[in-house]
Amino acid sequence: MNVMERHKFVVGLLMQQNRATVAELAQATGASEMTIRRDLEVLESRGALRRVRGGAVSSLPGGVEPPYAVRAMSGAQVKERLARAVVDLLTDGETVALDTGTTAVAVAKAMAGRQFTVAPLSLHAAFDLSAQSGIHLVMPGGQVRPEELSFYGEAPVRTFKDLCFDTFVLGCCGVDPVQGATAYNLDDVQVKRAAVAAAQRVILVATADKIGRTALGRICSMEEIALVVTDAPADSPAVEALRDQGVEVVHPADG
């Protein structure tokens, strides 16, 4: 594994089992224990883990959103597949509000070569969109959360009250058939709600780990969501529960 692959592996393993030893990580990655110790030092500086004697533990309590840098290292290929599936659902010329988060950034990158007017809810997505000739960029403004670089406050909420969009591509921290779409950060929730209200259609995109999960702040009910794009297995109880609520679920193509 190269350094990026090792970092992704370590973060993913700790998310699954909370603790790992240096020896265990060295054996799993084929790297030396000295290399693993350097990896752990770097990942600790990014807030991805906490080093302990002989190894590392996850630094993320269950009810807290993982840092952006940690999420960006996880599931890149899955997010790219989901992003392509989302963009395939859009028609050139559409006006699109694009949510915050790493999956939304993948959607922004997948828009290359297409023609859209896009209002991104974060600077991360805006940076990628700004380099694309077919994108007309509309910035909602407001204050910006450190690291996440999402817009929050009265300014973006007011912007979405004044504008109308064909589609809002919604990312979330959890989606549940009863609780609907939810997120951890309450400032983000207010902006997401405004974007939902401004759009004729809401497409929710979520990796499998978000399906069936509930976070602190409620964004919208499932009745307000046109369809869900996810890699969660079609026969999983959580996906079947969404379908029972009348929600259309779309799965990305393999590869």
C-alpha atoms as a PDB file:
ATOM      1  CA  MET A   1       0.000   0.000   0.000  1.00  0.00           C
ATOM      2  CA  ASN A   2       1.113   3.575  -0.611  1.00  0.00           C
ATOM      3  CA  VAL A   3       0.784   6.183   2.115  1.00  0.00           C
ATOM      4  CA  MET A   4      -2.704   7.323   1.116  1.00  0.00           C
ATOM      5  CA  GLU A   5      -3.979   3.750   0.953  1.00  0.00           C
ATOM      6  CA  ARG A   6      -2.506   3.023   4.382  1.00  0.00           C
ATOM      7  CA  HIS A   7      -4.132   6.102   5.886  1.00  0.00           C
ATOM      8  CA  LYS A   8      -7.510   5.136   4.457  1.00  0.00           C
ATOM      9  CA  PHE A   9      -7.097   1.594   5.736  1.00  0.00           C
ATOM     10  CA  VAL A  10      -6.171   2.719   9.258  1.00  0.00           C
ATOM     11  CA  VAL A  11      -9.066   5.172   9.477  1.00  0.00           C
ATOM     12  CA  GLY A  12     -11.524   2.612   8.127  1.00  0.00           C
ATOM     13  CA  LEU A  13     -10.333  -0.087  10.519  1.00  0.00           C
ATOM     14  CA  LEU A  14     -10.631   2.185  13.546  1.00  0.00           C
ATOM     15  CA  MET A  15     -14.139   3.200  12.508  1.00  0.00           C
ATOM     16  CA  GLN A  16     -15.046  -0.499  12.513  1.00  0.00           C
ATOM     17  CA  GLN A  17     -13.289  -1.786  15.638  1.00  0.00           C
ATOM     18  CA  ASN A  18     -12.244   1.377  17.539  1.00  0.00           C
ATOM     19  CA  ARG A  19      -8.724   0.146  18.413  1.00  0.00           C
ATOM     20  CA  ALA A  20      -5.718  -1.333  16.587  1.00  0.00           C
ATOM     21  CA  THR A  21      -2.119  -2.113  17.496  1.00  0.00           C
ATOM     22  CA  VAL A  22       0.964  -1.032  15.560  1.00  0.00           C
ATOM     23  CA  ALA A  23       1.865  -4.688  14.985  1.00  0.00           C
ATOM     24  CA  GLU A  24      -1.635  -5.459  13.676  1.00  0.00           C
ATOM     25  CA  LEU A  25      -1.553  -2.513  11.277  1.00  0.00           C
ATOM     26  CA  ALA A  26       1.953  -3.355  10.069  1.00  0.00           C
ATOM     27  CA  GLN A  27       0.950  -6.921   9.283  1.00  0.00           C
ATOM     28  CA  ALA A  28      -2.252  -5.864   7.516  1.00  0.00           C
ATOM     29  CA  THR A  29      -0.592  -3.192   5.351  1.00  0.00           C
ATOM     30  CA  GLY A  30       2.803  -4.771   4.754  1.00  0.00           C
ATOM     31  CA  ALA A  31       4.541  -1.668   6.138  1.00  0.00           C
ATOM     32  CA  SER A  32       7.155  -1.569   8.884  1.00  0.00           C
ATOM     33  CA  GLU A  33       6.142  -0.715  12.416  1.00  0.00           C
ATOM     34  CA  MET A  34       8.221   2.466  12.188  1.00  0.00           C
ATOM     35  CA  THR A  35       6.247   3.522   9.098  1.00  0.00           C
ATOM     36  CA  ILE A  36       2.960   2.778  10.856  1.00  0.00           C
ATOM     37  CA  ARG A  37       4.010   4.918  13.829  1.00  0.00           C
ATOM     38  CA  ARG A  38       4.690   7.825  11.455  1.00  0.00           C
ATOM     39  CA  ASP A  39       1.290   7.257   9.819  1.00  0.00           C
ATOM     40  CA  LEU A  40      -0.412   7.351  13.213  1.00  0.00           C
ATOM     41  CA  GLU A  41       1.355  10.594  14.081  1.00  0.00           C
ATOM     42  CA  VAL A  42       0.114  12.228  10.873  1.00  0.00           C
ATOM     43  CA  LEU A  43      -3.432  10.941  11.320  1.00  0.00           C
ATOM     44  CA  GLU A  44      -3.524  12.115  14.917  1.00  0.00           C
ATOM     45  CA  SER A  45      -2.551  15.621  13.782  1.00  0.00           C
ATOM     46  CA  ARG A  46      -5.598  15.562  11.466  1.00  0.00           C
ATOM     47  CA  GLY A  47      -7.949  14.528  14.260  1.00  0.00           C
ATOM     48  CA  ALA A  48      -8.517  11.066  12.776  1.00  0.00           C
ATOM     49  CA  LEU A  49      -7.360   9.074  15.797  1.00  0.00           C
ATOM     50  CA  ARG A  50      -5.659   9.177  19.181  1.00  0.00           C
ATOM     51  CA  ARG A  51      -2.370   7.407  19.716  1.00  0.00           C
ATOM     52  CA  VAL A  52      -2.052   5.141  22.736  1.00  0.00           C
ATOM     53  CA  ARG A  53       0.693   2.844  23.951  1.00  0.00           C
ATOM     54  CA  GLY A  54       1.292   0.224  21.257  1.00  0.00           C
ATOM     55  CA  GLY A  55      -1.281   1.509  18.800  1.00  0.00           C
ATOM     56  CA  ALA A  56      -4.220   3.870  18.298  1.00  0.00           C
ATOM     57  CA  VAL A  57      -7.902   4.281  19.107  1.00  0.00           C
ATOM     58  CA  SER A  58     -10.662   6.147  17.335  1.00  0.00           C
ATOM     59  CA  SER A  59     -10.989   9.734  18.535  1.00  0.00           C
ATOM     60  CA  LEU A  60     -14.584  10.057  17.336  1.00  0.00           C
ATOM     61  CA  PRO A  61     -17.506   9.678  19.764  1.00  0.00           C
ATOM     62  CA  GLY A  62     -20.558   8.045  18.197  1.00  0.00           C
ATOM     63  CA  GLY A  63     -22.653  11.222  18.223  1.00  0.00           C
ATOM     64  CA  VAL A  64     -20.020  13.489  16.678  1.00  0.00           C
ATOM     65  CA  GLU A  65     -19.462  14.109  12.978  1.00  0.00           C
ATOM     66  CA  PRO A  66     -16.019  12.882  11.864  1.00  0.00           C
ATOM     67  CA  PRO A  67     -13.700  15.690  10.680  1.00  0.00           C
ATOM     68  CA  TYR A  68     -13.805  16.523   6.971  1.00  0.00           C
ATOM     69  CA  ALA A  69     -10.229  15.312   6.446  1.00  0.00           C
ATOM     70  CA  VAL A  70     -11.111  11.933   7.946  1.00  0.00           C
ATOM     71  CA  ARG A  71     -14.230  11.526   5.807  1.00  0.00           C
ATOM     72  CA  ALA A  72     -12.308  12.565   2.702  1.00  0.00           C
ATOM     73  CA  MET A  73      -9.994   9.565   3.175  1.00  0.00           C
ATOM     74  CA  SER A  74     -12.862   7.065   3.323  1.00  0.00           C
ATOM     75  CA  GLY A  75     -14.708   5.394   0.461  1.00  0.00           C
ATOM     76  CA  ALA A  76     -13.485   7.565  -2.409  1.00  0.00           C
ATOM     77  CA  GLN A  77     -14.379   5.026  -5.125  1.00  0.00           C
ATOM     78  CA  VAL A  78     -17.884   4.473  -3.733  1.00  0.00           C
ATOM     79  CA  LYS A  79     -18.488   8.231  -3.585  1.00  0.00           C
ATOM     80  CA  GLU A  80     -17.334   8.592  -7.197  1.00  0.00           C
ATOM     81  CA  ARG A  81     -19.825   5.918  -8.290  1.00  0.00           C
ATOM     82  CA  LEU A  82     -22.621   7.573  -6.345  1.00  0.00           C
ATOM     83  CA  ALA A  83     -21.677  10.947  -7.819  1.00  0.00           C
ATOM     84  CA  ARG A  84     -21.850   9.659 -11.398  1.00  0.00           C
ATOM     85  CA  ALA A  85     -25.274   8.163 -10.673  1.00  0.00           C
ATOM     86  CA  VAL A  86     -26.507  11.496  -9.307  1.00  0.00           C
ATOM     87  CA  VAL A  87     -25.228  13.520 -12.261  1.00  0.00           C
ATOM     88  CA  ASP A  88     -26.840  11.029 -14.669  1.00  0.00           C
ATOM     89  CA  LEU A  89     -30.181  12.004 -13.102  1.00  0.00           C
ATOM     90  CA  LEU A  90     -29.656  15.675 -13.976  1.00  0.00           C
ATOM     91  CA  THR A  91     -30.469  17.377 -17.278  1.00  0.00           C
ATOM     92  CA  ASP A  92     -28.165  19.947 -18.865  1.00  0.00           C
ATOM     93  CA  GLY A  93     -29.420  23.445 -18.135  1.00  0.00           C
ATOM     94  CA  GLU A  94     -30.797  22.586 -14.697  1.00  0.00           C
ATOM     95  CA  THR A  95     -30.363  24.856 -11.701  1.00  0.00           C
ATOM     96  CA  VAL A  96     -28.859  22.795  -8.895  1.00  0.00           C
ATOM     97  CA  ALA A  97     -28.198  23.440  -5.215  1.00  0.00           C
ATOM     98  CA  LEU A  98     -25.351  21.186  -4.074  1.00  0.00           C
ATOM     99  CA  ASP A  99     -24.900  20.231  -0.433  1.00  0.00           C
ATOM    100  CA  THR A 100     -21.799  20.137   1.745  1.00  0.00           C
ATOM    101  CA  GLY A 101     -19.638  17.089   2.459  1.00  0.00           C
ATOM    102  CA  THR A 102     -17.216  14.766   0.722  1.00  0.00           C
ATOM    103  CA  THR A 103     -19.858  12.983  -1.365  1.00  0.00           C
ATOM    104  CA  ALA A 104     -21.123  16.338  -2.612  1.00  0.00           C
ATOM    105  CA  VAL A 105     -17.572  17.241  -3.634  1.00  0.00           C
ATOM    106  CA  ALA A 106     -17.485  14.013  -5.653  1.00  0.00           C
ATOM    107  CA  VAL A 107     -20.731  15.150  -7.333  1.00  0.00           C
ATOM    108  CA  ALA A 108     -19.134  18.514  -8.141  1.00  0.00           C
ATOM    109  CA  LYS A 109     -16.212  16.743  -9.835  1.00  0.00           C
ATOM    110  CA  ALA A 110     -18.595  14.457 -11.737  1.00  0.00           C
ATOM    111  CA  MET A 111     -20.311  17.513 -13.231  1.00  0.00           C
ATOM    112  CA  ALA A 112     -17.280  18.116 -15.475  1.00  0.00           C
ATOM    113  CA  GLY A 113     -18.356  18.414 -19.097  1.00  0.00           C
ATOM    114  CA  ARG A 114     -21.988  19.164 -18.222  1.00  0.00           C
ATOM    115  CA  GLN A 115     -23.969  22.431 -18.280  1.00  0.00           C
ATOM    116  CA  PHE A 116     -25.535  23.493 -14.973  1.00  0.00           C
ATOM    117  CA  THR A 117     -26.155  26.531 -12.812  1.00  0.00           C
ATOM    118  CA  VAL A 118     -24.951  25.421  -9.373  1.00  0.00           C
ATOM    119  CA  ALA A 119     -25.183  26.943  -5.906  1.00  0.00           C
ATOM    120  CA  PRO A 120     -22.763  24.975  -3.697  1.00  0.00           C
ATOM    121  CA  LEU A 121     -23.236  24.987   0.069  1.00  0.00           C
ATOM    122  CA  SER A 122     -19.482  24.714   0.652  1.00  0.00           C
ATOM    123  CA  LEU A 123     -16.243  26.158  -0.638  1.00  0.00           C
ATOM    124  CA  HIS A 124     -14.829  22.647  -1.154  1.00  0.00           C
ATOM    125  CA  ALA A 125     -17.391  22.014  -3.895  1.00  0.00           C
ATOM    126  CA  ALA A 126     -17.095  25.584  -5.193  1.00  0.00           C
ATOM    127  CA  PHE A 127     -13.354  25.167  -5.809  1.00  0.00           C
ATOM    128  CA  ASP A 128     -13.961  22.158  -8.081  1.00  0.00           C
ATOM    129  CA  LEU A 129     -16.934  23.736  -9.834  1.00  0.00           C
ATOM    130  CA  SER A 130     -15.091  26.990 -10.529  1.00  0.00           C
ATOM    131  CA  ALA A 131     -12.656  25.192 -12.828  1.00  0.00           C
ATOM    132  CA  GLN A 132     -15.421  23.777 -15.043  1.00  0.00           C
ATOM    133  CA  SER A 133     -16.351  25.797 -18.123  1.00  0.00           C
ATOM    134  CA  GLY A 134     -19.922  24.503 -18.296  1.00  0.00           C
ATOM    135  CA  ILE A 135     -20.820  25.524 -14.757  1.00  0.00           C
ATOM    136  CA  HIS A 136     -22.431  28.856 -13.897  1.00  0.00           C
ATOM    137  CA  LEU A 137     -21.543  29.295 -10.238  1.00  0.00           C
ATOM    138  CA  VAL A 138     -23.863  31.047  -7.767  1.00  0.00           C
ATOM    139  CA  MET A 139     -22.404  31.546  -4.298  1.00  0.00           C
ATOM    140  CA  PRO A 140     -24.918  31.677  -1.415  1.00  0.00           C
ATOM    141  CA  GLY A 141     -22.550  33.611   0.847  1.00  0.00           C
ATOM    142  CA  GLY A 142     -22.523  33.766   4.629  1.00  0.00           C
ATOM    143  CA  GLN A 143     -20.100  32.695   7.309  1.00  0.00           C
ATOM    144  CA  VAL A 144     -17.879  29.656   6.689  1.00  0.00           C
ATOM    145  CA  ARG A 145     -17.268  26.745   9.066  1.00  0.00           C
ATOM    146  CA  PRO A 146     -13.563  25.973   9.520  1.00  0.00           C
ATOM    147  CA  GLU A 147     -12.356  22.794   7.781  1.00  0.00           C
ATOM    148  CA  GLU A 148     -15.829  21.834   6.545  1.00  0.00           C
ATOM    149  CA  LEU A 149     -15.935  25.166   4.631  1.00  0.00           C
ATOM    150  CA  SER A 150     -19.740  25.096   4.609  1.00  0.00           C
ATOM    151  CA  PHE A 151     -21.772  28.299   4.520  1.00  0.00           C
ATOM    152  CA  TYR A 152     -23.974  29.063   7.510  1.00  0.00           C
ATOM    153  CA  GLY A 153     -25.930  31.900   9.076  1.00  0.00           C
ATOM    154  CA  GLU A 154     -28.722  34.167   7.877  1.00  0.00           C
ATOM    155  CA  ALA A 155     -27.113  35.080   4.531  1.00  0.00           C
ATOM    156  CA  PRO A 156     -27.274  31.631   2.839  1.00  0.00           C
ATOM    157  CA  VAL A 157     -30.725  30.966   4.324  1.00  0.00           C
ATOM    158  CA  ARG A 158     -31.946  34.256   2.856  1.00  0.00           C
ATOM    159  CA  THR A 159     -30.323  33.430  -0.497  1.00  0.00           C
ATOM    160  CA  PHE A 160     -32.253  30.169  -0.766  1.00  0.00           C
ATOM    161  CA  LYS A 161     -35.477  31.931   0.173  1.00  0.00           C
ATOM    162  CA  ASP A 162     -34.937  34.300  -2.764  1.00  0.00           C
ATOM    163  CA  LEU A 163     -34.005  31.674  -5.380  1.00  0.00           C
ATOM    164  CA  CYS A 164     -35.690  28.667  -6.981  1.00  0.00           C
ATOM    165  CA  PHE A 165     -33.843  25.508  -8.040  1.00  0.00           C
ATOM    166  CA  ASP A 166     -34.779  22.528 -10.164  1.00  0.00           C
ATOM    167  CA  THR A 167     -32.882  20.103  -7.917  1.00  0.00           C
ATOM    168  CA  PHE A 168     -31.204  20.053  -4.526  1.00  0.00           C
ATOM    169  CA  VAL A 169     -28.573  17.314  -4.203  1.00  0.00           C
ATOM    170  CA  LEU A 170     -28.749  16.625  -0.475  1.00  0.00           C
ATOM    171  CA  GLY A 171     -26.036  14.914   1.499  1.00  0.00           C
ATOM    172  CA  CYS A 172     -26.676  13.979   5.105  1.00  0.00           C
ATOM    173  CA  CYS A 173     -25.232  12.291   8.175  1.00  0.00           C
ATOM    174  CA  GLY A 174     -28.173   9.930   8.481  1.00  0.00           C
ATOM    175  CA  VAL A 175     -31.359   8.909   6.701  1.00  0.00           C
ATOM    176  CA  ASP A 176     -34.136   6.991   8.410  1.00  0.00           C
ATOM    177  CA  PRO A 177     -37.625   6.141   7.118  1.00  0.00           C
ATOM    178  CA  VAL A 178     -39.229   7.642  10.231  1.00  0.00           C
ATOM    179  CA  GLN A 179     -36.884  10.510  11.152  1.00  0.00           C
ATOM    180  CA  GLY A 180     -36.042  11.466   7.580  1.00  0.00           C
ATOM    181  CA  ALA A 181     -32.741  13.111   6.641  1.00  0.00           C
ATOM    182  CA  THR A 182     -30.615  14.349   9.530  1.00  0.00           C
ATOM    183  CA  ALA A 183     -27.256  16.042  10.165  1.00  0.00           C
ATOM    184  CA  TYR A 184     -25.002  16.675  13.157  1.00  0.00           C
ATOM    185  CA  ASN A 185     -24.298  20.385  12.795  1.00  0.00           C
ATOM    186  CA  LEU A 186     -27.342  22.525  13.539  1.00  0.00           C
ATOM    187  CA  ASP A 187     -26.036  25.529  11.598  1.00  0.00           C
ATOM    188  CA  ASP A 188     -25.757  23.322   8.523  1.00  0.00           C
ATOM    189  CA  VAL A 189     -29.243  21.962   9.143  1.00  0.00           C
ATOM    190  CA  GLN A 190     -30.789  25.429   8.814  1.00  0.00           C
ATOM    191  CA  VAL A 191     -29.165  26.015   5.427  1.00  0.00           C
ATOM    192  CA  LYS A 192     -30.058  22.540   4.179  1.00  0.00           C
ATOM    193  CA  ARG A 193     -33.693  23.102   5.168  1.00  0.00           C
ATOM    194  CA  ALA A 194     -33.762  26.336   3.191  1.00  0.00           C
ATOM    195  CA  ALA A 195     -32.293  24.567   0.143  1.00  0.00           C
ATOM    196  CA  VAL A 196     -34.910  21.798   0.404  1.00  0.00           C
ATOM    197  CA  ALA A 197     -37.673  24.425   0.425  1.00  0.00           C
ATOM    198  CA  ALA A 198     -36.144  26.196  -2.604  1.00  0.00           C
ATOM    199  CA  ALA A 199     -35.983  23.092  -4.823  1.00  0.00           C
ATOM    200  CA  GLN A 200     -38.652  21.428  -6.943  1.00  0.00           C
ATOM    201  CA  ARG A 201     -36.899  18.076  -6.466  1.00  0.00           C
ATOM    202  CA  VAL A 202     -34.601  16.696  -3.762  1.00  0.00           C
ATOM    203  CA  ILE A 203     -32.145  13.908  -4.563  1.00  0.00           C
ATOM    204  CA  LEU A 204     -30.554  12.472  -1.433  1.00  0.00           C
ATOM    205  CA  VAL A 205     -27.174  10.799  -1.916  1.00  0.00           C
ATOM    206  CA  ALA A 206     -25.812   8.686   0.932  1.00  0.00           C
ATOM    207  CA  THR A 207     -23.184   6.016   1.411  1.00  0.00           C
ATOM    208  CA  ALA A 208     -24.408   2.749   2.913  1.00  0.00           C
ATOM    209  CA  ASP A 209     -23.259   3.614   6.431  1.00  0.00           C
ATOM    210  CA  LYS A 210     -25.681   6.580   6.521  1.00  0.00           C
ATOM    211  CA  ILE A 211     -28.774   4.482   5.760  1.00  0.00           C
ATOM    212  CA  GLY A 212     -30.704   3.725   8.945  1.00  0.00           C
ATOM    213  CA  ARG A 213     -28.662   6.208  10.978  1.00  0.00           C
ATOM    214  CA  THR A 214     -30.101   9.246  12.775  1.00  0.00           C
ATOM    215  CA  ALA A 215     -28.143  12.401  13.680  1.00  0.00           C
ATOM    216  CA  LEU A 216     -29.129  15.291  15.948  1.00  0.00           C
ATOM    217  CA  GLY A 217     -30.771  17.783  13.580  1.00  0.00           C
ATOM    218  CA  ARG A 218     -33.709  16.962  11.331  1.00  0.00           C
ATOM    219  CA  ILE A 219     -33.429  18.364   7.802  1.00  0.00           C
ATOM    220  CA  CYS A 220     -36.593  17.077   6.176  1.00  0.00           C
ATOM    221  CA  SER A 221     -39.010  14.162   6.086  1.00  0.00           C
ATOM    222  CA  MET A 222     -38.804  11.340   3.563  1.00  0.00           C
ATOM    223  CA  GLU A 223     -41.953  12.731   1.909  1.00  0.00           C
ATOM    224  CA  GLU A 224     -39.882  15.717   0.755  1.00  0.00           C
ATOM    225  CA  ILE A 225     -37.265  13.522  -0.946  1.00  0.00           C
ATOM    226  CA  ALA A 226     -37.867  12.428  -4.550  1.00  0.00           C
ATOM    227  CA  LEU A 227     -35.306   9.635  -4.526  1.00  0.00           C
ATOM    228  CA  VAL A 228     -32.307   8.242  -2.681  1.00  0.00           C
ATOM    229  CA  VAL A 229     -29.034   7.298  -4.383  1.00  0.00           C
ATOM    230  CA  THR A 230     -27.043   4.843  -2.267  1.00  0.00           C
ATOM    231  CA  ASP A 231     -24.702   1.873  -2.426  1.00  0.00           C
ATOM    232  CA  ALA A 232     -26.526   0.125   0.432  1.00  0.00           C
ATOM    233  CA  PRO A 233     -27.616  -3.386  -0.636  1.00  0.00           C
ATOM    234  CA  ALA A 234     -31.019  -3.387  -2.296  1.00  0.00           C
ATOM    235  CA  ASP A 235     -32.232  -6.197  -0.030  1.00  0.00           C
ATOM    236  CA  SER A 236     -31.021  -4.630   3.218  1.00  0.00           C
ATOM    237  CA  PRO A 237     -33.738  -4.015   5.846  1.00  0.00           C
ATOM    238  CA  ALA A 238     -32.962  -0.274   5.903  1.00  0.00           C
ATOM    239  CA  VAL A 239     -33.416   0.092   2.137  1.00  0.00           C
ATOM    240  CA  GLU A 240     -36.563  -2.030   2.172  1.00  0.00           C
ATOM    241  CA  ALA A 241     -37.933   0.220   4.926  1.00  0.00           C
ATOM    242  CA  LEU A 242     -37.339   3.261   2.706  1.00  0.00           C
ATOM    243  CA  ARG A 243     -39.153   1.596  -0.182  1.00  0.00           C
ATOM    244  CA  ASP A 244     -42.034   0.752   2.151  1.00  0.00           C
ATOM    245  CA  GLN A 245     -42.333   4.500   2.720  1.00  0.00           C
ATOM    246  CA  GLY A 246     -42.746   4.982  -1.039  1.00  0.00           C
ATOM    247  CA  VAL A 247     -39.202   6.282  -1.583  1.00  0.00           C
ATOM    248  CA  GLU A 248     -37.518   5.493  -4.898  1.00  0.00           C
ATOM    249  CA  VAL A 249     -34.027   4.078  -4.301  1.00  0.00           C
ATOM    250  CA  VAL A 250     -31.376   4.185  -7.040  1.00  0.00           C
ATOM    251  CA  HIS A 251     -28.165   2.155  -6.942  1.00  0.00           C
ATOM    252  CA  PRO A 252     -25.034   3.170  -8.871  1.00  0.00           C
ATOM    253  CA  ALA A 253     -23.675   1.003 -11.636  1.00  0.00           C
ATOM    254  CA  ASP A 254     -20.662  -1.149 -10.784  1.00  0.00           C
ATOM    255  CA  GLY A 255     -17.218  -0.033 -11.875  1.00  0.00           C
END
